[in-house]
């Protein structure tokens, strides 16, 4: 059985594609590639069809993550049924997802940083309007949370 994980930010061009690529890397590195499906989307459709922000791609490439094939899309209502775990990058997008969800779907929606082991932050900050170092901070935070999440996914996979 496959566990399906959706990463969500606002426009799906910075944080959530970064989280998708980073989690995919750690899932593969831990031998879970066939058991975990990963995607990303945005709560807003501003950038549908666009590649991730060039600054995001540069920061990710410096750490050997390739985001070049990813394209932005908007969260669809079907996603709330399809995915087992829906991880928002911040409280605003978490709230947007909860407003979309049925009562049965609410338990699937969490903040990515709940899985962080070294960061106490609850939100991954949006680097879009900030200075360049924000993209590296996003990577630091996402790598930490993704490693924690992989530990949880390993346990879930072994139970199935």
Protein backbone atom coordinates (compact mmCIF):
# COMPACT_ATOMS: atom_id res chain seq x y z
CA UNK A 1 0.00 0.00 0.00
CA UNK A 2 1.22 3.48 -0.89
CA UNK A 3 1.20 6.43 1.51
CA UNK A 4 0.40 9.63 -0.37
CA UNK A 5 1.82 12.94 0.89
CA UNK A 6 0.94 16.41 -0.42
CA UNK A 7 3.07 19.47 0.40
CA UNK A 8 1.18 22.77 0.28
CA UNK A 9 2.15 26.45 0.27
CA UNK A 10 0.46 29.46 -1.31
CA UNK A 11 1.68 29.57 -4.91
CA UNK A 12 3.50 26.23 -5.23
CA UNK A 13 6.69 27.85 -6.57
CA UNK A 14 8.93 28.11 -3.48
CA UNK A 15 8.29 26.16 -0.29
CA UNK A 16 6.08 23.26 -1.35
CA UNK A 17 8.08 22.22 -4.44
CA UNK A 18 11.21 22.40 -2.27
CA UNK A 19 9.50 20.19 0.31
CA UNK A 20 8.37 17.78 -2.41
CA UNK A 21 11.89 17.37 -3.81
CA UNK A 22 13.55 17.12 -0.40
CA UNK A 23 11.07 14.56 0.92
CA UNK A 24 11.36 12.55 -2.30
CA UNK A 25 15.15 12.46 -1.81
CA UNK A 26 14.91 11.22 1.80
CA UNK A 27 12.18 8.71 0.94
CA UNK A 28 14.35 7.20 -1.81
CA UNK A 29 17.48 7.27 0.38
CA UNK A 30 15.57 5.27 3.00
CA UNK A 31 14.28 2.67 0.55
CA UNK A 32 10.67 3.86 0.66
CA UNK A 33 10.44 5.10 -2.93
CA UNK A 34 7.88 2.49 -3.97
CA UNK A 35 5.74 2.99 -0.88
CA UNK A 36 5.44 6.78 -0.64
CA UNK A 37 3.97 9.06 -3.31
CA UNK A 38 4.81 12.77 -2.99
CA UNK A 39 3.33 15.82 -4.71
CA UNK A 40 2.95 19.53 -4.04
CA UNK A 41 0.34 22.19 -4.72
CA UNK A 42 -0.65 25.72 -3.76
CA UNK A 43 -3.79 27.05 -2.13
CA UNK A 44 -3.85 29.85 -4.73
CA UNK A 45 -3.63 29.52 -8.50
CA UNK A 46 -1.36 32.51 -9.19
CA UNK A 47 1.41 30.46 -10.79
CA UNK A 48 -0.34 27.38 -12.24
CA UNK A 49 1.86 25.71 -14.86
CA UNK A 50 4.99 27.67 -13.91
CA UNK A 51 8.30 26.15 -12.85
CA UNK A 52 9.51 26.87 -9.32
CA UNK A 53 10.97 30.33 -8.67
CA UNK A 54 14.52 30.57 -10.11
CA UNK A 55 15.89 31.51 -6.67
CA UNK A 56 14.28 28.39 -5.21
CA UNK A 57 15.77 26.26 -7.97
CA UNK A 58 19.26 27.74 -7.46
CA UNK A 59 19.20 27.19 -3.70
CA UNK A 60 17.90 23.64 -4.14
CA UNK A 61 20.44 22.83 -6.89
CA UNK A 62 23.27 23.93 -4.60
CA UNK A 63 22.20 21.03 -2.35
CA UNK A 64 21.69 18.63 -5.27
CA UNK A 65 17.88 18.79 -5.45
CA UNK A 66 16.44 19.16 -8.95
CA UNK A 67 13.16 21.10 -9.09
CA UNK A 68 13.34 21.90 -12.81
CA UNK A 69 10.65 19.42 -13.88
CA UNK A 70 8.10 20.49 -11.27
CA UNK A 71 5.18 22.72 -12.26
CA UNK A 72 2.86 24.69 -10.01
CA UNK A 73 -0.71 23.57 -9.56
CA UNK A 74 -3.58 24.53 -7.31
CA UNK A 75 -4.93 22.22 -4.61
CA UNK A 76 -8.10 20.52 -5.86
CA UNK A 77 -10.91 19.18 -3.70
CA UNK A 78 -10.04 15.68 -4.98
CA UNK A 79 -6.60 16.04 -3.39
CA UNK A 80 -8.20 16.07 0.04
CA UNK A 81 -9.59 12.58 -0.64
CA UNK A 82 -6.61 11.20 -2.55
CA UNK A 83 -3.76 12.13 -0.20
CA UNK A 84 -3.26 10.47 3.18
CA UNK A 85 -1.21 13.32 4.63
CA UNK A 86 -1.50 16.98 3.60
CA UNK A 87 1.27 19.18 5.00
CA UNK A 88 0.94 22.96 4.98
CA UNK A 89 4.00 25.16 5.16
CA UNK A 90 2.32 27.75 7.38
CA UNK A 91 -0.78 28.49 9.44
CA UNK A 92 -2.44 30.57 6.71
CA UNK A 93 -2.32 27.70 4.20
CA UNK A 94 -3.25 25.23 6.96
CA UNK A 95 -6.38 27.31 7.62
CA UNK A 96 -7.18 27.50 3.89
CA UNK A 97 -6.93 23.72 3.61
CA UNK A 98 -9.12 23.20 6.66
CA UNK A 99 -11.80 25.45 5.15
CA UNK A 100 -11.77 23.29 2.01
CA UNK A 101 -11.93 19.99 3.90
CA UNK A 102 -14.89 17.94 5.00
CA UNK A 103 -14.95 16.91 8.68
CA UNK A 104 -13.59 13.48 7.67
CA UNK A 105 -10.60 15.04 5.89
CA UNK A 106 -9.49 17.41 8.67
CA UNK A 107 -7.32 14.81 10.40
CA UNK A 108 -5.12 14.54 7.28
CA UNK A 109 -4.06 18.20 7.42
CA UNK A 110 -1.00 19.16 9.46
CA UNK A 111 1.88 21.63 9.48
CA UNK A 112 5.10 20.25 8.00
CA UNK A 113 7.12 21.61 10.90
CA UNK A 114 5.32 19.25 13.31
CA UNK A 115 7.90 16.72 12.10
CA UNK A 116 10.96 18.92 12.66
CA UNK A 117 13.56 17.66 15.10
CA UNK A 118 15.89 20.66 15.39
CA UNK A 119 13.65 23.67 14.66
CA UNK A 120 11.03 24.90 17.10
CA UNK A 121 9.29 27.02 14.46
CA UNK A 122 5.74 26.08 13.54
CA UNK A 123 5.90 27.61 10.08
CA UNK A 124 8.25 27.57 7.11
CA UNK A 125 8.58 31.28 6.21
CA UNK A 126 7.73 32.37 2.70
CA UNK A 127 11.02 33.50 1.06
CA UNK A 128 9.37 34.98 -2.04
CA UNK A 129 9.54 38.66 -1.06
CA UNK A 130 12.62 38.42 1.14
CA UNK A 131 16.33 38.38 0.56
CA UNK A 132 18.18 35.43 -0.94
CA UNK A 133 19.13 33.79 2.38
CA UNK A 134 15.46 32.94 2.98
CA UNK A 135 15.66 30.17 0.41
CA UNK A 136 18.51 28.51 2.30
CA UNK A 137 16.57 28.78 5.56
CA UNK A 138 13.60 27.10 3.87
CA UNK A 139 15.88 24.27 2.81
CA UNK A 140 17.33 23.91 6.32
CA UNK A 141 13.86 23.74 7.84
CA UNK A 142 12.41 21.42 5.19
CA UNK A 143 15.37 19.03 5.39
CA UNK A 144 14.91 18.80 9.16
CA UNK A 145 11.16 18.20 8.95
CA UNK A 146 11.51 15.75 6.04
CA UNK A 147 13.96 13.62 8.00
CA UNK A 148 11.55 13.52 10.94
CA UNK A 149 8.67 12.69 8.61
CA UNK A 150 10.61 9.83 7.01
CA UNK A 151 10.99 8.27 10.46
CA UNK A 152 7.20 8.34 10.86
CA UNK A 153 6.62 7.03 7.32
CA UNK A 154 9.02 4.12 7.94
CA UNK A 155 6.93 3.06 10.92
CA UNK A 156 3.68 3.38 8.96
CA UNK A 157 5.05 1.36 6.04
CA UNK A 158 6.29 -1.41 8.33
CA UNK A 159 2.80 -1.72 9.86
CA UNK A 160 1.11 -2.19 6.50
